[in-house]
All heavy atoms as atom14 arrays in JSON, in Angstrom:
{
  "sequence": "AGGIVYELHIGTFTPEGTLDAAAARLGHLVDIGVTHVELLP",
  "atom14_mask": [
    [1, 1, 1, 1, 1, 0, 0, 0, 0, 0, 0, 0, 0, 0],
    [1, 1, 1, 1, 0, 0, 0, 0, 0, 0, 0, 0, 0, 0],
    [1, 1, 1, 1, 0, 0, 0, 0, 0, 0, 0, 0, 0, 0],
    [1, 1, 1, 1, 1, 1, 1, 1, 0, 0, 0, 0, 0, 0],
    [1, 1, 1, 1, 1, 1, 1, 0, 0, 0, 0, 0, 0, 0],
    [1, 1, 1, 1, 1, 1, 1, 1, 1, 1, 1, 1, 0, 0],
    [1, 1, 1, 1, 1, 1, 1, 1, 1, 0, 0, 0, 0, 0],
    [1, 1, 1, 1, 1, 1, 1, 1, 0, 0, 0, 0, 0, 0],
    [1, 1, 1, 1, 1, 1, 1, 1, 1, 1, 0, 0, 0, 0],
    [1, 1, 1, 1, 1, 1, 1, 1, 0, 0, 0, 0, 0, 0],
    [1, 1, 1, 1, 0, 0, 0, 0, 0, 0, 0, 0, 0, 0],
    [1, 1, 1, 1, 1, 1, 1, 0, 0, 0, 0, 0, 0, 0],
    [1, 1, 1, 1, 1, 1, 1, 1, 1, 1, 1, 0, 0, 0],
    [1, 1, 1, 1, 1, 1, 1, 0, 0, 0, 0, 0, 0, 0],
    [1, 1, 1, 1, 1, 1, 1, 0, 0, 0, 0, 0, 0, 0],
    [1, 1, 1, 1, 1, 1, 1, 1, 1, 0, 0, 0, 0, 0],
    [1, 1, 1, 1, 0, 0, 0, 0, 0, 0, 0, 0, 0, 0],
    [1, 1, 1, 1, 1, 1, 1, 0, 0, 0, 0, 0, 0, 0],
    [1, 1, 1, 1, 1, 1, 1, 1, 0, 0, 0, 0, 0, 0],
    [1, 1, 1, 1, 1, 1, 1, 1, 0, 0, 0, 0, 0, 0],
    [1, 1, 1, 1, 1, 0, 0, 0, 0, 0, 0, 0, 0, 0],
    [1, 1, 1, 1, 1, 0, 0, 0, 0, 0, 0, 0, 0, 0],
    [1, 1, 1, 1, 1, 0, 0, 0, 0, 0, 0, 0, 0, 0],
    [1, 1, 1, 1, 1, 0, 0, 0, 0, 0, 0, 0, 0, 0],
    [1, 1, 1, 1, 1, 1, 1, 1, 1, 1, 1, 0, 0, 0],
    [1, 1, 1, 1, 1, 1, 1, 1, 0, 0, 0, 0, 0, 0],
    [1, 1, 1, 1, 0, 0, 0, 0, 0, 0, 0, 0, 0, 0],
    [1, 1, 1, 1, 1, 1, 1, 1, 1, 1, 0, 0, 0, 0],
    [1, 1, 1, 1, 1, 1, 1, 1, 0, 0, 0, 0, 0, 0],
    [1, 1, 1, 1, 1, 1, 1, 0, 0, 0, 0, 0, 0, 0],
    [1, 1, 1, 1, 1, 1, 1, 1, 0, 0, 0, 0, 0, 0],
    [1, 1, 1, 1, 1, 1, 1, 1, 0, 0, 0, 0, 0, 0],
    [1, 1, 1, 1, 0, 0, 0, 0, 0, 0, 0, 0, 0, 0],
    [1, 1, 1, 1, 1, 1, 1, 0, 0, 0, 0, 0, 0, 0],
    [1, 1, 1, 1, 1, 1, 1, 0, 0, 0, 0, 0, 0, 0],
    [1, 1, 1, 1, 1, 1, 1, 1, 1, 1, 0, 0, 0, 0],
    [1, 1, 1, 1, 1, 1, 1, 0, 0, 0, 0, 0, 0, 0],
    [1, 1, 1, 1, 1, 1, 1, 1, 1, 0, 0, 0, 0, 0],
    [1, 1, 1, 1, 1, 1, 1, 1, 0, 0, 0, 0, 0, 0],
    [1, 1, 1, 1, 1, 1, 1, 1, 0, 0, 0, 0, 0, 0],
    [1, 1, 1, 1, 1, 1, 1, 0, 0, 0, 0, 0, 0, 0]
  ],
  "atom14_positions": [
    [[3.48, -21.02, -11.17], [3.25, -21.38, -12.5], [1.76, -21.43, -12.93], [1.01, -22.01, -12.18], [3.89, -22.84, -12.77], [0.0, 0.0, 0.0], [0.0, 0.0, 0.0], [0.0, 0.0, 0.0], [0.0, 0.0, 0.0], [0.0, 0.0, 0.0], [0.0, 0.0, 0.0], [0.0, 0.0, 0.0], [0.0, 0.0, 0.0], [0.0, 0.0, 0.0]],
    [[1.48, -20.71, -13.92], [0.08, -20.65, -14.42], [-0.72, -19.54, -13.76], [-1.95, -19.43, -14.03], [0.0, 0.0, 0.0], [0.0, 0.0, 0.0], [0.0, 0.0, 0.0], [0.0, 0.0, 0.0], [0.0, 0.0, 0.0], [0.0, 0.0, 0.0], [0.0, 0.0, 0.0], [0.0, 0.0, 0.0], [0.0, 0.0, 0.0], [0.0, 0.0, 0.0]],
    [[-0.12, -18.89, -12.84], [-0.85, -17.91, -12.04], [-0.91, -16.56, -12.6], [-0.33, -16.23, -13.68], [0.0, 0.0, 0.0], [0.0, 0.0, 0.0], [0.0, 0.0, 0.0], [0.0, 0.0, 0.0], [0.0, 0.0, 0.0], [0.0, 0.0, 0.0], [0.0, 0.0, 0.0], [0.0, 0.0, 0.0], [0.0, 0.0, 0.0], [0.0, 0.0, 0.0]],
    [[-1.7, -15.62, -11.99], [-1.84, -14.24, -12.32], [-1.68, -13.46, -11.07], [-2.44, -13.68, -10.11], [-3.19, -13.92, -13.03], [-3.32, -14.71, -14.38], [-3.31, -12.44, -13.34], [-4.71, -14.54, -15.01], [0.0, 0.0, 0.0], [0.0, 0.0, 0.0], [0.0, 0.0, 0.0], [0.0, 0.0, 0.0], [0.0, 0.0, 0.0], [0.0, 0.0, 0.0]],
    [[-0.72, -12.54, -11.02], [-0.47, -11.72, -9.83], [-1.2, -10.43, -9.94], [-1.28, -9.79, -10.99], [1.05, -11.57, -9.62], [1.37, -10.74, -8.36], [1.76, -12.9, -9.6], [0.0, 0.0, 0.0], [0.0, 0.0, 0.0], [0.0, 0.0, 0.0], [0.0, 0.0, 0.0], [0.0, 0.0, 0.0], [0.0, 0.0, 0.0], [0.0, 0.0, 0.0]],
    [[-1.66, -9.87, -8.73], [-2.28, -8.59, -8.64], [-1.64, -7.79, -7.58], [-1.67, -8.2, -6.41], [-3.79, -8.8, -8.4], [-4.6, -7.53, -8.4], [-5.4, -7.25, -9.63], [-4.77, -6.67, -7.37], [-6.16, -6.14, -9.64], [-5.56, -5.6, -7.51], [-6.29, -5.25, -8.56], [-7.06, -4.17, -8.66], [0.0, 0.0, 0.0], [0.0, 0.0, 0.0]],
    [[-0.96, -6.72, -8.01], [-0.21, -5.86, -7.06], [-1.11, -4.73, -6.55], [-1.67, -4.09, -7.27], [1.06, -5.34, -7.74], [1.94, -4.54, -6.78], [3.06, -3.76, -7.52], [2.86, -3.31, -8.66], [4.18, -3.7, -6.96], [0.0, 0.0, 0.0], [0.0, 0.0, 0.0], [0.0, 0.0, 0.0], [0.0, 0.0, 0.0], [0.0, 0.0, 0.0]],
    [[-1.15, -4.61, -5.22], [-1.93, -3.52, -4.63], [-1.31, -2.88, -3.45], [-0.48, -3.49, -2.75], [-3.37, -3.99, -4.32], [-3.6, -5.05, -3.18], [-3.66, -4.37, -1.85], [-4.76, -5.88, -3.46], [0.0, 0.0, 0.0], [0.0, 0.0, 0.0], [0.0, 0.0, 0.0], [0.0, 0.0, 0.0], [0.0, 0.0, 0.0], [0.0, 0.0, 0.0]],
    [[-1.76, -1.63, -3.16], [-1.27, -0.88, -2.03], [-2.46, -0.73, -1.11], [-3.46, -0.15, -1.48], [-0.73, 0.53, -2.47], [-0.47, 1.49, -1.35], [-1.24, 2.43, -0.88], [0.75, 1.48, -0.58], [-0.69, 3.11, 0.06], [0.52, 2.61, 0.26], [0.0, 0.0, 0.0], [0.0, 0.0, 0.0], [0.0, 0.0, 0.0], [0.0, 0.0, 0.0]],
    [[-2.31, -1.19, 0.16], [-3.5, -1.22, 1.04], [-4.04, 0.13, 1.23], [-5.32, 0.35, 1.28], [-3.02, -1.83, 2.42], [-2.79, -3.39, 2.22], [-4.15, -1.63, 3.46], [-4.06, -4.19, 1.86], [0.0, 0.0, 0.0], [0.0, 0.0, 0.0], [0.0, 0.0, 0.0], [0.0, 0.0, 0.0], [0.0, 0.0, 0.0], [0.0, 0.0, 0.0]],
    [[-3.27, 1.18, 1.37], [-3.75, 2.42, 1.71], [-4.52, 3.13, 0.61], [-5.37, 4.05, 0.95], [0.0, 0.0, 0.0], [0.0, 0.0, 0.0], [0.0, 0.0, 0.0], [0.0, 0.0, 0.0], [0.0, 0.0, 0.0], [0.0, 0.0, 0.0], [0.0, 0.0, 0.0], [0.0, 0.0, 0.0], [0.0, 0.0, 0.0], [0.0, 0.0, 0.0]],
    [[-4.37, 2.75, -0.66], [-5.14, 3.39, -1.75], [-6.05, 2.41, -2.49], [-6.64, 2.87, -3.42], [-4.12, 4.08, -2.66], [-3.12, 3.11, -3.07], [-3.51, 5.26, -2.08], [0.0, 0.0, 0.0], [0.0, 0.0, 0.0], [0.0, 0.0, 0.0], [0.0, 0.0, 0.0], [0.0, 0.0, 0.0], [0.0, 0.0, 0.0], [0.0, 0.0, 0.0]],
    [[-6.09, 1.15, -2.13], [-6.76, 0.18, -2.9], [-8.33, 0.42, -2.59], [-9.12, 0.2, -3.51], [-6.43, -1.28, -2.45], [-7.15, -2.35, -3.06], [-7.08, -2.47, -4.58], [-7.83, -3.31, -2.4], [-7.72, -3.52, -5.06], [-8.51, -4.31, -2.98], [-8.48, -4.43, -4.44], [0.0, 0.0, 0.0], [0.0, 0.0, 0.0], [0.0, 0.0, 0.0]],
    [[-8.65, 0.81, -1.46], [-10.04, 1.08, -1.06], [-10.15, 2.45, -0.44], [-9.16, 3.07, -0.04], [-10.59, 0.05, -0.02], [-9.79, 0.23, 1.17], [-10.38, -1.34, -0.45], [0.0, 0.0, 0.0], [0.0, 0.0, 0.0], [0.0, 0.0, 0.0], [0.0, 0.0, 0.0], [0.0, 0.0, 0.0], [0.0, 0.0, 0.0], [0.0, 0.0, 0.0]],
    [[-11.4, 3.07, -0.41], [-11.56, 4.33, 0.24], [-11.1, 4.29, 1.76], [-10.6, 5.34, 2.23], [-13.13, 4.53, 0.11], [-13.5, 3.7, -1.06], [-12.69, 2.53, -1.0], [0.0, 0.0, 0.0], [0.0, 0.0, 0.0], [0.0, 0.0, 0.0], [0.0, 0.0, 0.0], [0.0, 0.0, 0.0], [0.0, 0.0, 0.0], [0.0, 0.0, 0.0]],
    [[-11.34, 3.23, 2.38], [-11.0, 3.07, 3.82], [-9.48, 2.96, 4.07], [-8.94, 3.34, 5.05], [-11.68, 1.95, 4.51], [-13.18, 2.03, 4.4], [-13.73, 1.38, 3.09], [-12.95, 1.12, 2.19], [-14.98, 1.23, 3.06], [0.0, 0.0, 0.0], [0.0, 0.0, 0.0], [0.0, 0.0, 0.0], [0.0, 0.0, 0.0], [0.0, 0.0, 0.0]],
    [[-8.81, 2.32, 3.11], [-7.38, 2.15, 3.2], [-6.92, 1.17, 4.21], [-5.88, 1.44, 4.87], [0.0, 0.0, 0.0], [0.0, 0.0, 0.0], [0.0, 0.0, 0.0], [0.0, 0.0, 0.0], [0.0, 0.0, 0.0], [0.0, 0.0, 0.0], [0.0, 0.0, 0.0], [0.0, 0.0, 0.0], [0.0, 0.0, 0.0], [0.0, 0.0, 0.0]],
    [[-7.63, 0.12, 4.53], [-7.37, -0.85, 5.59], [-7.33, -2.26, 4.98], [-7.86, -2.5, 3.91], [-8.37, -0.76, 6.73], [-9.63, -1.22, 6.23], [-8.44, 0.6, 7.28], [0.0, 0.0, 0.0], [0.0, 0.0, 0.0], [0.0, 0.0, 0.0], [0.0, 0.0, 0.0], [0.0, 0.0, 0.0], [0.0, 0.0, 0.0], [0.0, 0.0, 0.0]],
    [[-6.67, -3.14, 5.76], [-6.68, -4.57, 5.36], [-8.04, -5.2, 5.39], [-8.36, -5.96, 4.51], [-5.74, -5.34, 6.36], [-4.2, -5.05, 6.14], [-3.42, -5.22, 7.48], [-3.67, -5.91, 5.07], [0.0, 0.0, 0.0], [0.0, 0.0, 0.0], [0.0, 0.0, 0.0], [0.0, 0.0, 0.0], [0.0, 0.0, 0.0], [0.0, 0.0, 0.0]],
    [[-8.86, -4.81, 6.35], [-10.2, -5.38, 6.41], [-10.98, -4.94, 5.16], [-11.78, -5.75, 4.55], [-10.97, -4.95, 7.64], [-10.43, -5.71, 8.85], [-9.95, -6.85, 8.69], [-10.45, -5.15, 9.97], [0.0, 0.0, 0.0], [0.0, 0.0, 0.0], [0.0, 0.0, 0.0], [0.0, 0.0, 0.0], [0.0, 0.0, 0.0], [0.0, 0.0, 0.0]],
    [[-10.88, -3.66, 4.75], [-11.58, -3.13, 3.6], [-11.1, -3.85, 2.3], [-11.9, -4.21, 1.43], [-11.42, -1.66, 3.47], [0.0, 0.0, 0.0], [0.0, 0.0, 0.0], [0.0, 0.0, 0.0], [0.0, 0.0, 0.0], [0.0, 0.0, 0.0], [0.0, 0.0, 0.0], [0.0, 0.0, 0.0], [0.0, 0.0, 0.0], [0.0, 0.0, 0.0]],
    [[-9.77, -4.06, 2.23], [-9.22, -4.8, 1.11], [-9.69, -6.18, 1.06], [-9.98, -6.69, 0.01], [-7.65, -4.81, 1.21], [0.0, 0.0, 0.0], [0.0, 0.0, 0.0], [0.0, 0.0, 0.0], [0.0, 0.0, 0.0], [0.0, 0.0, 0.0], [0.0, 0.0, 0.0], [0.0, 0.0, 0.0], [0.0, 0.0, 0.0], [0.0, 0.0, 0.0]],
    [[-9.82, -6.94, 2.17], [-10.35, -8.27, 2.25], [-11.76, -8.29, 1.63], [-12.13, -9.35, 0.99], [-10.32, -8.77, 3.68], [0.0, 0.0, 0.0], [0.0, 0.0, 0.0], [0.0, 0.0, 0.0], [0.0, 0.0, 0.0], [0.0, 0.0, 0.0], [0.0, 0.0, 0.0], [0.0, 0.0, 0.0], [0.0, 0.0, 0.0], [0.0, 0.0, 0.0]],
    [[-12.51, -7.27, 1.87], [-13.91, -7.26, 1.33], [-13.95, -7.18, -0.17], [-14.94, -7.42, -0.73], [-14.69, -6.14, 1.93], [0.0, 0.0, 0.0], [0.0, 0.0, 0.0], [0.0, 0.0, 0.0], [0.0, 0.0, 0.0], [0.0, 0.0, 0.0], [0.0, 0.0, 0.0], [0.0, 0.0, 0.0], [0.0, 0.0, 0.0], [0.0, 0.0, 0.0]],
    [[-12.84, -6.82, -0.84], [-12.78, -6.69, -2.27], [-12.14, -7.88, -2.97], [-11.91, -7.91, -4.13], [-11.97, -5.46, -2.65], [-12.53, -4.12, -2.16], [-13.71, -3.7, -3.03], [-14.16, -2.38, -2.6], [-15.19, -1.67, -3.21], [-15.71, -2.28, -4.28], [-15.6, -0.51, -2.81], [0.0, 0.0, 0.0], [0.0, 0.0, 0.0], [0.0, 0.0, 0.0]],
    [[-11.78, -8.9, -2.19], [-11.14, -10.09, -2.73], [-11.96, -10.75, -3.77], [-11.35, -11.37, -4.75], [-10.75, -11.05, -1.57], [-9.6, -10.5, -0.7], [-9.37, -11.54, 0.5], [-8.36, -10.29, -1.4], [0.0, 0.0, 0.0], [0.0, 0.0, 0.0], [0.0, 0.0, 0.0], [0.0, 0.0, 0.0], [0.0, 0.0, 0.0], [0.0, 0.0, 0.0]],
    [[-13.29, -10.74, -3.66], [-14.08, -11.41, -4.67], [-13.95, -10.76, -6.05], [-13.98, -11.55, -7.05], [0.0, 0.0, 0.0], [0.0, 0.0, 0.0], [0.0, 0.0, 0.0], [0.0, 0.0, 0.0], [0.0, 0.0, 0.0], [0.0, 0.0, 0.0], [0.0, 0.0, 0.0], [0.0, 0.0, 0.0], [0.0, 0.0, 0.0], [0.0, 0.0, 0.0]],
    [[-13.64, -9.53, -6.09], [-13.32, -8.86, -7.34], [-12.1, -9.44, -8.06], [-12.1, -9.74, -9.28], [-13.05, -7.35, -7.17], [-12.59, -6.59, -8.28], [-13.24, -6.21, -9.4], [-11.25, -6.25, -8.59], [-12.46, -5.57, -10.23], [-11.21, -5.57, -9.88], [0.0, 0.0, 0.0], [0.0, 0.0, 0.0], [0.0, 0.0, 0.0], [0.0, 0.0, 0.0]],
    [[-11.08, -9.78, -7.26], [-9.82, -10.32, -7.78], [-10.12, -11.81, -8.35], [-9.66, -12.12, -9.37], [-8.8, -10.34, -6.79], [-8.36, -9.0, -6.08], [-7.12, -9.1, -5.17], [-8.23, -7.92, -7.17], [0.0, 0.0, 0.0], [0.0, 0.0, 0.0], [0.0, 0.0, 0.0], [0.0, 0.0, 0.0], [0.0, 0.0, 0.0], [0.0, 0.0, 0.0]],
    [[-10.83, -12.51, -7.57], [-11.18, -13.88, -8.01], [-12.0, -13.78, -9.31], [-11.74, -14.6, -10.29], [-12.01, -14.61, -6.89], [-12.53, -15.96, -7.43], [-11.17, -14.78, -5.63], [0.0, 0.0, 0.0], [0.0, 0.0, 0.0], [0.0, 0.0, 0.0], [0.0, 0.0, 0.0], [0.0, 0.0, 0.0], [0.0, 0.0, 0.0], [0.0, 0.0, 0.0]],
    [[-12.85, -12.84, -9.47], [-13.73, -12.75, -10.62], [-12.97, -12.44, -11.84], [-13.35, -12.81, -12.88], [-14.8, -11.65, -10.31], [-15.9, -11.65, -11.43], [-16.32, -12.68, -11.77], [-16.33, -10.54, -11.83], [0.0, 0.0, 0.0], [0.0, 0.0, 0.0], [0.0, 0.0, 0.0], [0.0, 0.0, 0.0], [0.0, 0.0, 0.0], [0.0, 0.0, 0.0]],
    [[-11.82, -11.77, -11.77], [-10.98, -11.52, -12.95], [-9.85, -12.49, -13.16], [-9.06, -12.35, -14.02], [-10.37, -10.0, -12.86], [-9.5, -9.8, -11.67], [-11.43, -8.95, -12.95], [-8.79, -8.49, -11.67], [0.0, 0.0, 0.0], [0.0, 0.0, 0.0], [0.0, 0.0, 0.0], [0.0, 0.0, 0.0], [0.0, 0.0, 0.0], [0.0, 0.0, 0.0]],
    [[-9.88, -13.55, -12.29], [-8.9, -14.68, -12.59], [-7.63, -14.56, -11.88], [-6.71, -15.3, -12.19], [0.0, 0.0, 0.0], [0.0, 0.0, 0.0], [0.0, 0.0, 0.0], [0.0, 0.0, 0.0], [0.0, 0.0, 0.0], [0.0, 0.0, 0.0], [0.0, 0.0, 0.0], [0.0, 0.0, 0.0], [0.0, 0.0, 0.0], [0.0, 0.0, 0.0]],
    [[-7.52, -13.61, -10.91], [-6.23, -13.5, -10.12], [-6.03, -14.71, -9.27], [-7.05, -15.32, -8.77], [-6.31, -12.21, -9.31], [-5.12, -12.22, -8.26], [-6.21, -10.96, -10.2], [0.0, 0.0, 0.0], [0.0, 0.0, 0.0], [0.0, 0.0, 0.0], [0.0, 0.0, 0.0], [0.0, 0.0, 0.0], [0.0, 0.0, 0.0], [0.0, 0.0, 0.0]],
    [[-4.77, -15.14, -9.15], [-4.41, -16.24, -8.24], [-3.54, -15.82, -7.06], [-3.58, -16.48, -6.03], [-3.66, -17.34, -9.02], [-2.42, -16.82, -9.62], [-4.54, -17.97, -10.12], [0.0, 0.0, 0.0], [0.0, 0.0, 0.0], [0.0, 0.0, 0.0], [0.0, 0.0, 0.0], [0.0, 0.0, 0.0], [0.0, 0.0, 0.0], [0.0, 0.0, 0.0]],
    [[-2.77, -14.74, -7.31], [-1.86, -14.27, -6.18], [-2.04, -12.81, -6.02], [-1.99, -12.0, -6.94], [-0.38, -14.54, -6.65], [0.0, -15.95, -6.69], [-0.51, -16.82, -7.67], [0.83, -16.67, -5.89], [0.05, -18.02, -7.46], [0.9, -17.98, -6.4], [0.0, 0.0, 0.0], [0.0, 0.0, 0.0], [0.0, 0.0, 0.0], [0.0, 0.0, 0.0]],
    [[-2.29, -12.38, -4.82], [-2.47, -11.01, -4.44], [-1.14, -10.5, -3.75], [-0.73, -11.13, -2.78], [-3.61, -10.72, -3.61], [-3.76, -11.52, -2.32], [-3.73, -9.17, -3.24], [0.0, 0.0, 0.0], [0.0, 0.0, 0.0], [0.0, 0.0, 0.0], [0.0, 0.0, 0.0], [0.0, 0.0, 0.0], [0.0, 0.0, 0.0], [0.0, 0.0, 0.0]],
    [[-0.51, -9.54, -4.35], [0.82, -9.09, -3.85], [0.57, -7.68, -3.22], [0.16, -6.73, -3.86], [1.85, -8.97, -5.02], [3.2, -8.43, -4.52], [4.16, -8.45, -5.65], [4.32, -9.37, -6.33], [4.86, -7.31, -5.84], [0.0, 0.0, 0.0], [0.0, 0.0, 0.0], [0.0, 0.0, 0.0], [0.0, 0.0, 0.0], [0.0, 0.0, 0.0]],
    [[0.97, -7.6, -1.86], [0.77, -6.4, -1.13], [2.06, -5.61, -1.1], [3.18, -6.15, -0.73], [0.36, -6.72, 0.33], [-0.89, -7.53, 0.53], [-1.12, -7.67, 1.98], [-2.1, -6.97, -0.22], [0.0, 0.0, 0.0], [0.0, 0.0, 0.0], [0.0, 0.0, 0.0], [0.0, 0.0, 0.0], [0.0, 0.0, 0.0], [0.0, 0.0, 0.0]],
    [[1.96, -4.29, -1.45], [3.16, -3.47, -1.23], [3.47, -3.48, 0.26], [2.64, -3.84, 1.12], [2.84, -2.0, -1.66], [3.32, -1.7, -3.07], [2.54, -2.55, -4.13], [3.04, -0.17, -3.43], [0.0, 0.0, 0.0], [0.0, 0.0, 0.0], [0.0, 0.0, 0.0], [0.0, 0.0, 0.0], [0.0, 0.0, 0.0], [0.0, 0.0, 0.0]],
    [[4.67, -3.06, 0.69], [5.13, -3.18, 2.1], [4.15, -2.68, 3.13], [3.56, -1.62, 2.89], [6.43, -2.41, 2.13], [6.99, -2.47, 0.72], [5.74, -2.41, -0.13], [0.0, 0.0, 0.0], [0.0, 0.0, 0.0], [0.0, 0.0, 0.0], [0.0, 0.0, 0.0], [0.0, 0.0, 0.0], [0.0, 0.0, 0.0], [0.0, 0.0, 0.0]]
  ]
}
């Protein structure tokens, strides 16, 4: 309730396509007001 979800695919979210690379971009999501990050399978 009150949240904002951000859907992403690990393999294409970053040039590296890894979970560690995606973790390095989490600040971007916080900056735009996201509260929940949803990962494709």
